[in-house]
């Protein structure tokens, strides 16, 4: 698998997560993004971490950033084949 598309999605996830406020749900999303990137970089199975990220995103208030995060997380899931 070409790592470039996945790396691009991770950059996008981090950028979108950085746009969130400083509340607890937002901090949880940022932590989930970091854990997912770390696991994939280490070659670990990230299927549970992708699900956790998607669950954390679902806890955010509705809005444009939430939608962009959901779309990007879905792209990560597809590239990882999970």
Protein backbone atom coordinates (compact mmCIF):
# COMPACT_ATOMS: atom_id res chain seq x y z
CA UNK A 1 0.00 0.00 0.00
CA UNK A 2 1.22 3.47 -0.87
CA UNK A 3 1.67 5.36 2.44
CA UNK A 4 1.20 8.81 0.87
CA UNK A 5 -2.64 8.88 0.77
CA UNK A 6 -2.81 7.68 4.38
CA UNK A 7 -0.24 10.24 5.51
CA UNK A 8 -2.23 12.94 3.75
CA UNK A 9 -5.40 11.89 5.58
CA UNK A 10 -3.57 11.96 8.91
CA UNK A 11 -2.36 15.50 8.22
CA UNK A 12 -5.93 16.49 7.39
CA UNK A 13 -7.32 14.81 10.52
CA UNK A 14 -4.82 16.64 12.70
CA UNK A 15 -5.59 19.96 11.03
CA UNK A 16 -9.35 19.54 11.50
CA UNK A 17 -8.92 18.36 15.10
CA UNK A 18 -6.83 21.47 15.75
CA UNK A 19 -9.77 23.62 14.70
CA UNK A 20 -11.93 22.24 17.53
CA UNK A 21 -12.47 24.15 20.74
CA UNK A 22 -10.71 23.35 24.01
CA UNK A 23 -13.55 21.33 25.57
CA UNK A 24 -13.29 17.74 26.71
CA UNK A 25 -14.94 16.13 23.64
CA UNK A 26 -12.54 18.03 21.38
CA UNK A 27 -9.52 17.02 23.45
CA UNK A 28 -10.69 13.41 23.27
CA UNK A 29 -10.86 13.59 19.47
CA UNK A 30 -7.35 15.05 19.30
CA UNK A 31 -6.05 12.25 21.56
CA UNK A 32 -7.78 9.63 19.42
CA UNK A 33 -6.22 11.06 16.26
CA UNK A 34 -2.77 10.98 17.86
CA UNK A 35 -3.25 7.39 19.08
CA UNK A 36 -4.38 6.26 15.63
CA UNK A 37 -1.44 7.87 13.86
CA UNK A 38 1.00 6.40 16.39
CA UNK A 39 -0.46 2.89 16.01
CA UNK A 40 -0.38 2.98 12.21
CA UNK A 41 3.18 4.33 12.22
CA UNK A 42 4.19 1.45 14.52
CA UNK A 43 2.52 -1.09 12.22
CA UNK A 44 -0.08 -2.12 14.79
CA UNK A 45 -3.68 -3.13 14.13
CA UNK A 46 -5.61 0.14 14.20
CA UNK A 47 -9.15 -1.12 13.60
CA UNK A 48 -10.27 -0.49 17.19
CA UNK A 49 -8.63 2.94 17.19
CA UNK A 50 -10.46 3.95 14.02
CA UNK A 51 -13.74 2.92 15.64
CA UNK A 52 -12.85 4.84 18.81
CA UNK A 53 -12.07 7.93 16.76
CA UNK A 54 -15.39 7.67 14.93
CA UNK A 55 -17.22 7.26 18.25
CA UNK A 56 -15.43 10.31 19.69
CA UNK A 57 -16.28 12.37 16.62
CA UNK A 58 -19.94 11.38 17.03
CA UNK A 59 -19.89 12.97 20.50
CA UNK A 60 -18.97 16.37 19.08
CA UNK A 61 -21.68 18.98 18.52
CA UNK A 62 -23.05 19.05 15.00
CA UNK A 63 -21.21 21.30 12.61
CA UNK A 64 -18.96 21.58 9.63
CA UNK A 65 -15.76 20.46 11.35
CA UNK A 66 -17.49 17.37 12.71
CA UNK A 67 -18.65 16.45 9.21
CA UNK A 68 -15.15 16.97 7.77
CA UNK A 69 -13.65 14.81 10.53
CA UNK A 70 -16.20 12.04 9.91
CA UNK A 71 -15.50 12.07 6.18
CA UNK A 72 -11.74 11.97 6.68
CA UNK A 73 -11.96 9.21 9.32
CA UNK A 74 -14.04 7.21 6.84
CA UNK A 75 -11.28 7.64 4.29
CA UNK A 76 -8.75 6.30 6.78
CA UNK A 77 -10.99 3.31 7.47
CA UNK A 78 -11.28 2.55 3.75
CA UNK A 79 -7.52 2.82 3.17
CA UNK A 80 -6.79 0.55 6.12
CA UNK A 81 -9.35 -1.91 4.78
CA UNK A 82 -11.37 -2.05 7.99
